[in-house]
């Protein structure tokens, strides 16, 4: 589970401001609960990361054994598109 870059997540999505540590703890707890319930099966887990270039949240479903990303929202091509649009 990668949650290392979630600082200021509420500001990114327009949620009410809360201390960054409180947001991060809540997100960590939610991700752990989803992963503990094995909603994606025994072999997969949910992961949230913050894209460094776009500063947008990314949701991933990752294969536990290998770390392979099997699904991602938004997709890589959408992240690249957003990055290119910022350059215009």
N, C-alpha and C. Protein backbone atom coordinates (compact mmCIF):
# COMPACT_ATOMS: atom_id res chain seq x y z
N UNK A 1 0.85 -1.18 0.00
CA UNK A 1 0.00 0.00 0.00
C UNK A 1 0.88 1.23 0.00
N UNK A 2 0.75 2.06 -1.01
CA UNK A 2 1.56 3.25 -1.13
C UNK A 2 0.71 4.47 -0.85
N UNK A 3 0.96 5.11 0.28
CA UNK A 3 0.20 6.31 0.65
C UNK A 3 1.16 7.44 0.99
N UNK A 4 2.38 7.34 0.50
CA UNK A 4 3.44 8.24 0.90
C UNK A 4 3.24 9.69 0.46
N UNK A 5 2.46 9.95 -0.56
CA UNK A 5 2.36 11.30 -1.10
C UNK A 5 0.97 11.90 -0.99
N UNK A 6 0.28 11.67 0.10
CA UNK A 6 -1.11 12.10 0.22
C UNK A 6 -1.26 13.45 0.93
N UNK A 7 -0.18 14.11 1.31
CA UNK A 7 -0.30 15.38 2.01
C UNK A 7 -1.16 16.36 1.24
N UNK A 8 -2.01 17.09 1.96
CA UNK A 8 -2.91 18.09 1.39
C UNK A 8 -3.91 17.50 0.40
N UNK A 9 -4.25 16.24 0.55
CA UNK A 9 -5.19 15.57 -0.35
C UNK A 9 -6.55 16.26 -0.36
N UNK A 10 -7.04 16.72 0.81
CA UNK A 10 -8.35 17.36 0.85
C UNK A 10 -8.38 18.64 0.04
N UNK A 11 -7.28 19.38 0.03
CA UNK A 11 -7.23 20.60 -0.77
C UNK A 11 -7.26 20.29 -2.25
N UNK A 12 -6.68 19.16 -2.65
CA UNK A 12 -6.64 18.78 -4.05
C UNK A 12 -8.04 18.50 -4.59
N UNK A 13 -8.92 17.93 -3.74
CA UNK A 13 -10.24 17.56 -4.23
C UNK A 13 -11.32 18.51 -3.75
N UNK A 14 -10.94 19.58 -3.06
CA UNK A 14 -11.90 20.57 -2.64
C UNK A 14 -12.69 20.18 -1.40
N UNK A 15 -12.18 19.26 -0.62
CA UNK A 15 -12.85 18.84 0.61
C UNK A 15 -12.55 19.86 1.70
N UNK A 16 -13.37 19.89 2.75
CA UNK A 16 -13.11 20.82 3.85
C UNK A 16 -11.72 20.60 4.42
N UNK A 17 -11.04 21.68 4.75
CA UNK A 17 -9.68 21.59 5.26
C UNK A 17 -9.65 20.92 6.62
N UNK A 18 -8.74 20.00 6.78
CA UNK A 18 -8.46 19.33 8.04
C UNK A 18 -6.96 19.21 8.14
N UNK A 19 -6.43 19.00 9.33
CA UNK A 19 -4.99 18.80 9.43
C UNK A 19 -4.55 17.64 8.54
N UNK A 20 -3.43 17.82 7.82
CA UNK A 20 -2.97 16.81 6.87
C UNK A 20 -2.80 15.45 7.52
N UNK A 21 -2.30 15.41 8.74
CA UNK A 21 -2.11 14.14 9.43
C UNK A 21 -3.42 13.42 9.65
N UNK A 22 -4.47 14.16 9.97
CA UNK A 22 -5.79 13.55 10.19
C UNK A 22 -6.35 12.97 8.89
N UNK A 23 -6.21 13.71 7.79
CA UNK A 23 -6.65 13.21 6.48
C UNK A 23 -5.91 11.94 6.12
N UNK A 24 -4.61 11.97 6.31
CA UNK A 24 -3.78 10.84 5.93
C UNK A 24 -4.13 9.61 6.77
N UNK A 25 -4.33 9.80 8.07
CA UNK A 25 -4.71 8.67 8.94
C UNK A 25 -6.04 8.09 8.51
N UNK A 26 -7.01 8.94 8.17
CA UNK A 26 -8.31 8.46 7.72
C UNK A 26 -8.21 7.68 6.43
N UNK A 27 -7.40 8.16 5.50
CA UNK A 27 -7.20 7.47 4.24
C UNK A 27 -6.50 6.13 4.46
N UNK A 28 -5.48 6.12 5.31
CA UNK A 28 -4.77 4.88 5.61
C UNK A 28 -5.73 3.86 6.21
N UNK A 29 -6.56 4.29 7.14
CA UNK A 29 -7.53 3.39 7.77
C UNK A 29 -8.52 2.84 6.74
N UNK A 30 -8.99 3.69 5.85
CA UNK A 30 -9.94 3.25 4.83
C UNK A 30 -9.31 2.23 3.88
N UNK A 31 -8.09 2.50 3.44
CA UNK A 31 -7.39 1.58 2.54
C UNK A 31 -7.14 0.26 3.25
N UNK A 32 -6.71 0.30 4.50
CA UNK A 32 -6.48 -0.94 5.26
C UNK A 32 -7.77 -1.73 5.42
N UNK A 33 -8.88 -1.05 5.67
CA UNK A 33 -10.16 -1.73 5.83
C UNK A 33 -10.58 -2.43 4.53
N UNK A 34 -10.41 -1.73 3.41
CA UNK A 34 -10.75 -2.33 2.11
C UNK A 34 -9.86 -3.53 1.84
N UNK A 35 -8.56 -3.38 2.10
CA UNK A 35 -7.64 -4.48 1.84
C UNK A 35 -7.86 -5.65 2.79
N UNK A 36 -8.19 -5.36 4.05
CA UNK A 36 -8.46 -6.44 5.02
C UNK A 36 -9.72 -7.21 4.64
N UNK A 37 -10.70 -6.52 4.09
CA UNK A 37 -11.95 -7.17 3.68
C UNK A 37 -11.78 -7.97 2.39
N UNK A 38 -10.62 -7.81 1.76
CA UNK A 38 -10.31 -8.50 0.51
C UNK A 38 -11.39 -8.29 -0.55
N UNK A 39 -11.84 -7.05 -0.66
CA UNK A 39 -12.87 -6.71 -1.64
C UNK A 39 -12.40 -6.93 -3.07
N UNK A 40 -11.08 -6.93 -3.27
CA UNK A 40 -10.53 -7.16 -4.60
C UNK A 40 -9.91 -8.56 -4.69
N UNK A 41 -10.22 -9.40 -3.74
CA UNK A 41 -9.68 -10.76 -3.71
C UNK A 41 -8.42 -10.85 -2.86
N UNK A 42 -7.96 -12.06 -2.65
CA UNK A 42 -6.77 -12.29 -1.83
C UNK A 42 -5.50 -11.79 -2.50
N UNK A 43 -5.48 -11.81 -3.81
CA UNK A 43 -4.25 -11.52 -4.54
C UNK A 43 -4.05 -10.05 -4.89
N UNK A 44 -5.05 -9.21 -4.61
CA UNK A 44 -4.98 -7.81 -5.03
C UNK A 44 -5.26 -6.88 -3.86
N UNK A 45 -4.72 -5.65 -3.96
CA UNK A 45 -4.98 -4.65 -2.93
C UNK A 45 -5.18 -3.28 -3.55
N UNK A 46 -5.84 -2.42 -2.80
CA UNK A 46 -6.11 -1.05 -3.21
C UNK A 46 -4.95 -0.17 -2.78
N UNK A 47 -4.59 0.80 -3.62
CA UNK A 47 -3.50 1.72 -3.33
C UNK A 47 -3.88 3.11 -3.81
N UNK A 48 -3.53 4.13 -3.02
CA UNK A 48 -3.71 5.52 -3.41
C UNK A 48 -2.34 6.17 -3.47
N UNK A 49 -2.10 6.94 -4.51
CA UNK A 49 -0.86 7.71 -4.63
C UNK A 49 -1.20 9.09 -5.16
N UNK A 50 -0.29 10.01 -4.99
CA UNK A 50 -0.45 11.36 -5.53
C UNK A 50 0.57 11.53 -6.64
N UNK A 51 0.10 11.80 -7.87
CA UNK A 51 0.98 11.98 -9.00
C UNK A 51 1.80 13.25 -8.79
N UNK A 52 3.10 13.14 -8.89
CA UNK A 52 3.97 14.28 -8.62
C UNK A 52 3.87 15.38 -9.67
N UNK A 53 3.62 15.00 -10.90
CA UNK A 53 3.56 16.00 -11.96
C UNK A 53 2.24 16.75 -11.97
N UNK A 54 1.13 16.03 -11.91
CA UNK A 54 -0.19 16.66 -11.98
C UNK A 54 -0.74 16.99 -10.60
N UNK A 55 -0.14 16.43 -9.56
CA UNK A 55 -0.61 16.58 -8.18
C UNK A 55 -2.04 16.08 -8.00
N UNK A 56 -2.41 15.12 -8.82
CA UNK A 56 -3.73 14.51 -8.74
C UNK A 56 -3.68 13.16 -8.06
N UNK A 57 -4.78 12.78 -7.44
CA UNK A 57 -4.86 11.49 -6.78
C UNK A 57 -5.01 10.38 -7.81
N UNK A 58 -4.35 9.27 -7.56
CA UNK A 58 -4.42 8.09 -8.42
C UNK A 58 -4.84 6.91 -7.57
N UNK A 59 -5.82 6.17 -8.05
CA UNK A 59 -6.29 4.95 -7.39
C UNK A 59 -5.78 3.77 -8.21
N UNK A 60 -5.17 2.82 -7.52
CA UNK A 60 -4.63 1.65 -8.22
C UNK A 60 -5.09 0.37 -7.54
N UNK A 61 -5.27 -0.66 -8.35
CA UNK A 61 -5.43 -2.02 -7.86
C UNK A 61 -4.15 -2.74 -8.24
N UNK A 62 -3.47 -3.27 -7.22
CA UNK A 62 -2.13 -3.82 -7.40
C UNK A 62 -2.12 -5.29 -7.01
N UNK A 63 -1.41 -6.07 -7.78
CA UNK A 63 -1.22 -7.48 -7.46
C UNK A 63 -0.25 -7.56 -6.28
N UNK A 64 -0.69 -8.16 -5.17
CA UNK A 64 0.11 -8.18 -3.95
C UNK A 64 1.48 -8.82 -4.14
N UNK A 65 1.52 -9.94 -4.81
CA UNK A 65 2.74 -10.72 -4.93
C UNK A 65 3.82 -10.02 -5.75
N UNK A 66 3.43 -9.39 -6.83
CA UNK A 66 4.41 -8.82 -7.75
C UNK A 66 4.47 -7.29 -7.74
N UNK A 67 3.44 -6.64 -7.20
CA UNK A 67 3.39 -5.18 -7.24
C UNK A 67 2.91 -4.64 -8.58
N UNK A 68 2.51 -5.53 -9.47
CA UNK A 68 2.03 -5.13 -10.79
C UNK A 68 0.71 -4.36 -10.67
N UNK A 69 0.62 -3.22 -11.35
CA UNK A 69 -0.61 -2.44 -11.37
C UNK A 69 -1.53 -3.07 -12.41
N UNK A 70 -2.70 -3.55 -11.97
CA UNK A 70 -3.64 -4.19 -12.89
C UNK A 70 -4.74 -3.25 -13.34
N UNK A 71 -4.99 -2.21 -12.56
CA UNK A 71 -5.98 -1.19 -12.94
C UNK A 71 -5.59 0.13 -12.29
N UNK A 72 -5.86 1.23 -12.98
CA UNK A 72 -5.51 2.54 -12.45
C UNK A 72 -6.53 3.56 -12.92
N UNK A 73 -6.93 4.43 -12.00
CA UNK A 73 -7.84 5.53 -12.32
C UNK A 73 -7.22 6.81 -11.78
N UNK A 74 -6.99 7.82 -12.59
CA UNK A 74 -7.11 7.86 -14.04
C UNK A 74 -5.97 7.08 -14.69
N UNK A 75 -6.22 6.67 -15.91
CA UNK A 75 -5.22 5.91 -16.68
C UNK A 75 -4.00 6.79 -16.98
N UNK A 76 -2.87 6.16 -17.28
CA UNK A 76 -1.64 6.89 -17.58
C UNK A 76 -1.83 7.90 -18.71
N UNK A 77 -2.57 7.51 -19.75
CA UNK A 77 -2.73 8.44 -20.88
C UNK A 77 -3.51 9.69 -20.45
N UNK A 78 -4.41 9.57 -19.50
CA UNK A 78 -5.16 10.73 -19.01
C UNK A 78 -4.22 11.64 -18.21
N UNK A 79 -3.33 11.05 -17.42
CA UNK A 79 -2.36 11.85 -16.67
C UNK A 79 -1.44 12.62 -17.61
N UNK A 80 -0.98 11.95 -18.67
CA UNK A 80 -0.11 12.62 -19.65
C UNK A 80 -0.87 13.74 -20.36
N UNK A 81 -2.12 13.50 -20.70
CA UNK A 81 -2.95 14.52 -21.34
C UNK A 81 -3.10 15.74 -20.44
N UNK A 82 -3.39 15.52 -19.17
CA UNK A 82 -3.54 16.63 -18.23
C UNK A 82 -2.25 17.41 -18.10
N UNK A 83 -1.13 16.71 -18.07
CA UNK A 83 0.16 17.37 -17.98
C UNK A 83 0.41 18.22 -19.21
N UNK A 84 0.10 17.70 -20.40
CA UNK A 84 0.30 18.44 -21.64
C UNK A 84 -0.62 19.65 -21.73
N UNK A 85 -1.83 19.53 -21.24
CA UNK A 85 -2.77 20.66 -21.26
C UNK A 85 -2.29 21.80 -20.37
N UNK A 86 -1.59 21.48 -19.30
CA UNK A 86 -1.07 22.53 -18.42
C UNK A 86 0.03 23.34 -19.10
N UNK A 87 0.68 22.73 -20.08
CA UNK A 87 1.77 23.42 -20.79
C UNK A 87 1.27 24.41 -21.82
N UNK A 88 0.00 24.28 -22.19
CA UNK A 88 -0.57 25.15 -23.24
C UNK A 88 -0.88 26.51 -22.67
